[in-house]
Every structure is written in structure tokens, then in C-alpha cells.
């Protein structure tokens, strides 16, 4: 009595995800990220002040990590709020 997967359903879900992700045109590479420019960083934050995920910011992995570092620096210098709500 083990767990049985429904292979047909799983493969359809996997194909559907692949189609959704396929047409997104992934990354923006040349982005000016600097903790001294909080207005530029604000566009990458949501309404609650959290950093948006990569699929919304459309940054590559390196730029997303740099964004996180710069937002955290700006928060520690009180240029950006930790929580906005």
C-alpha cells in the first residue's frame, strides 16, 4: 500500500508549467542597483516592503543577489523601511 502517482496527470501538469515558463523572456542584465538610490530600489519591492522574486523582477540570478544586498544595505541605513504596512 504505497503512494501511487497518476502519471498522466503529473505529466500534463509538468507540460503546462513548461508552456507557461517558456514564453517569458527571462532576464534583464544591465540594471543600475545602488543602495544610495532608494527610489530606484523601491520598484523591486512589493507593497509590504518585501523584495520581489526573480520571476517578477526579471533579473538574472547575479543581479537578484546584488539587489538583495543593496536593499538590505539601504534598510540598515534607514533609506528603506524594513516593513511597510
C-alpha atoms as a PDB file:
ATOM      1  CA  UNK A   1       0.000   0.000   0.000  1.00  0.00           C
ATOM      2  CA  UNK A   2       2.306   2.703  -1.202  1.00  0.00           C
ATOM      3  CA  UNK A   3       1.638   6.046  -2.749  1.00  0.00           C
ATOM      4  CA  UNK A   4       0.737   5.708  -6.433  1.00  0.00           C
ATOM      5  CA  UNK A   5       1.252   8.583  -8.769  1.00  0.00           C
ATOM      6  CA  UNK A   6      -1.119   9.382 -11.525  1.00  0.00           C
ATOM      7  CA  UNK A   7       1.458   9.627 -14.304  1.00  0.00           C
ATOM      8  CA  UNK A   8      -0.926  11.089 -16.843  1.00  0.00           C
ATOM      9  CA  UNK A   9      -1.942  13.950 -14.610  1.00  0.00           C
ATOM     10  CA  UNK A  10       1.620  14.643 -13.434  1.00  0.00           C
ATOM     11  CA  UNK A  11       2.951  14.789 -16.985  1.00  0.00           C
ATOM     12  CA  UNK A  12       0.139  17.134 -18.051  1.00  0.00           C
ATOM     13  CA  UNK A  13       0.865  19.455 -15.125  1.00  0.00           C
ATOM     14  CA  UNK A  14       4.558  19.403 -15.957  1.00  0.00           C
ATOM     15  CA  UNK A  15       3.856  20.224 -19.622  1.00  0.00           C
ATOM     16  CA  UNK A  16       1.517  23.051 -18.643  1.00  0.00           C
ATOM     17  CA  UNK A  17       4.171  24.584 -16.409  1.00  0.00           C
ATOM     18  CA  UNK A  18       6.736  24.313 -19.187  1.00  0.00           C
ATOM     19  CA  UNK A  19       4.479  26.176 -21.595  1.00  0.00           C
ATOM     20  CA  UNK A  20       3.830  28.942 -19.082  1.00  0.00           C
ATOM     21  CA  UNK A  21       7.518  29.428 -18.311  1.00  0.00           C
ATOM     22  CA  UNK A  22       8.628  29.136 -21.933  1.00  0.00           C
ATOM     23  CA  UNK A  23       7.418  32.479 -23.276  1.00  0.00           C
ATOM     24  CA  UNK A  24       8.554  34.775 -20.510  1.00  0.00           C
ATOM     25  CA  UNK A  25      11.840  36.040 -21.960  1.00  0.00           C
ATOM     26  CA  UNK A  26      13.838  35.719 -18.818  1.00  0.00           C
ATOM     27  CA  UNK A  27      16.330  38.342 -17.746  1.00  0.00           C
ATOM     28  CA  UNK A  28      17.333  41.970 -17.781  1.00  0.00           C
ATOM     29  CA  UNK A  29      21.070  42.300 -17.326  1.00  0.00           C
ATOM     30  CA  UNK A  30      22.063  45.963 -17.294  1.00  0.00           C
ATOM     31  CA  UNK A  31      20.445  47.306 -14.143  1.00  0.00           C
ATOM     32  CA  UNK A  32      21.698  50.175 -12.001  1.00  0.00           C
ATOM     33  CA  UNK A  33      21.453  48.947  -8.399  1.00  0.00           C
ATOM     34  CA  UNK A  34      22.866  51.134  -5.659  1.00  0.00           C
ATOM     35  CA  UNK A  35      21.852  51.412  -2.008  1.00  0.00           C
ATOM     36  CA  UNK A  36      22.242  55.201  -2.224  1.00  0.00           C
ATOM     37  CA  UNK A  37      19.325  55.365  -4.679  1.00  0.00           C
ATOM     38  CA  UNK A  38      16.348  54.089  -2.677  1.00  0.00           C
ATOM     39  CA  UNK A  39      13.832  55.326  -5.261  1.00  0.00           C
ATOM     40  CA  UNK A  40      15.373  53.026  -7.875  1.00  0.00           C
ATOM     41  CA  UNK A  41      15.297  50.100  -5.424  1.00  0.00           C
ATOM     42  CA  UNK A  42      11.655  50.711  -4.486  1.00  0.00           C
ATOM     43  CA  UNK A  43      10.426  49.406  -7.833  1.00  0.00           C
ATOM     44  CA  UNK A  44      11.750  45.964  -6.851  1.00  0.00           C
ATOM     45  CA  UNK A  45       9.800  45.922  -3.555  1.00  0.00           C
ATOM     46  CA  UNK A  46       6.163  44.946  -3.129  1.00  0.00           C
ATOM     47  CA  UNK A  47       3.526  46.874  -1.168  1.00  0.00           C
ATOM     48  CA  UNK A  48       4.737  45.399   2.123  1.00  0.00           C
ATOM     49  CA  UNK A  49       8.390  46.278   1.514  1.00  0.00           C
ATOM     50  CA  UNK A  50       9.482  42.732   0.631  1.00  0.00           C
ATOM     51  CA  UNK A  51      11.872  42.036  -2.230  1.00  0.00           C
ATOM     52  CA  UNK A  52      10.018  40.719  -5.265  1.00  0.00           C
ATOM     53  CA  UNK A  53      11.004  37.278  -6.609  1.00  0.00           C
ATOM     54  CA  UNK A  54      13.058  36.831  -9.778  1.00  0.00           C
ATOM     55  CA  UNK A  55      10.098  35.911 -11.945  1.00  0.00           C
ATOM     56  CA  UNK A  56       8.611  39.346 -11.207  1.00  0.00           C
ATOM     57  CA  UNK A  57      11.780  41.447 -11.268  1.00  0.00           C
ATOM     58  CA  UNK A  58      13.035  39.617 -14.393  1.00  0.00           C
ATOM     59  CA  UNK A  59      16.625  39.894 -13.161  1.00  0.00           C
ATOM     60  CA  UNK A  60      19.228  37.199 -13.656  1.00  0.00           C
ATOM     61  CA  UNK A  61      20.477  35.360 -10.570  1.00  0.00           C
ATOM     62  CA  UNK A  62      23.555  37.543 -10.086  1.00  0.00           C
ATOM     63  CA  UNK A  63      21.567  40.775 -10.357  1.00  0.00           C
ATOM     64  CA  UNK A  64      18.885  39.422  -7.991  1.00  0.00           C
ATOM     65  CA  UNK A  65      21.521  38.676  -5.352  1.00  0.00           C
ATOM     66  CA  UNK A  66      23.019  42.135  -5.852  1.00  0.00           C
ATOM     67  CA  UNK A  67      19.527  43.616  -5.491  1.00  0.00           C
ATOM     68  CA  UNK A  68      19.005  41.793  -2.193  1.00  0.00           C
ATOM     69  CA  UNK A  69      22.373  43.017  -0.896  1.00  0.00           C
ATOM     70  CA  UNK A  70      21.686  46.640  -1.877  1.00  0.00           C
ATOM     71  CA  UNK A  71      18.154  46.615  -0.408  1.00  0.00           C
ATOM     72  CA  UNK A  72      19.498  45.236   2.869  1.00  0.00           C
ATOM     73  CA  UNK A  73      22.191  47.912   2.977  1.00  0.00           C
ATOM     74  CA  UNK A  74      19.608  50.620   2.345  1.00  0.00           C
ATOM     75  CA  UNK A  75      17.399  49.198   5.111  1.00  0.00           C
ATOM     76  CA  UNK A  76      20.256  49.257   7.633  1.00  0.00           C
ATOM     77  CA  UNK A  77      20.975  52.890   6.772  1.00  0.00           C
ATOM     78  CA  UNK A  78      17.244  53.720   7.153  1.00  0.00           C
ATOM     79  CA  UNK A  79      16.890  54.695   3.497  1.00  0.00           C
ATOM     80  CA  UNK A  80      14.254  51.959   3.051  1.00  0.00           C
ATOM     81  CA  UNK A  81      11.851  50.617   5.668  1.00  0.00           C
ATOM     82  CA  UNK A  82      12.141  47.047   6.920  1.00  0.00           C
ATOM     83  CA  UNK A  83       8.341  46.739   6.929  1.00  0.00           C
ATOM     84  CA  UNK A  84       5.928  48.937   5.060  1.00  0.00           C
ATOM     85  CA  UNK A  85       2.394  48.174   6.015  1.00  0.00           C
END
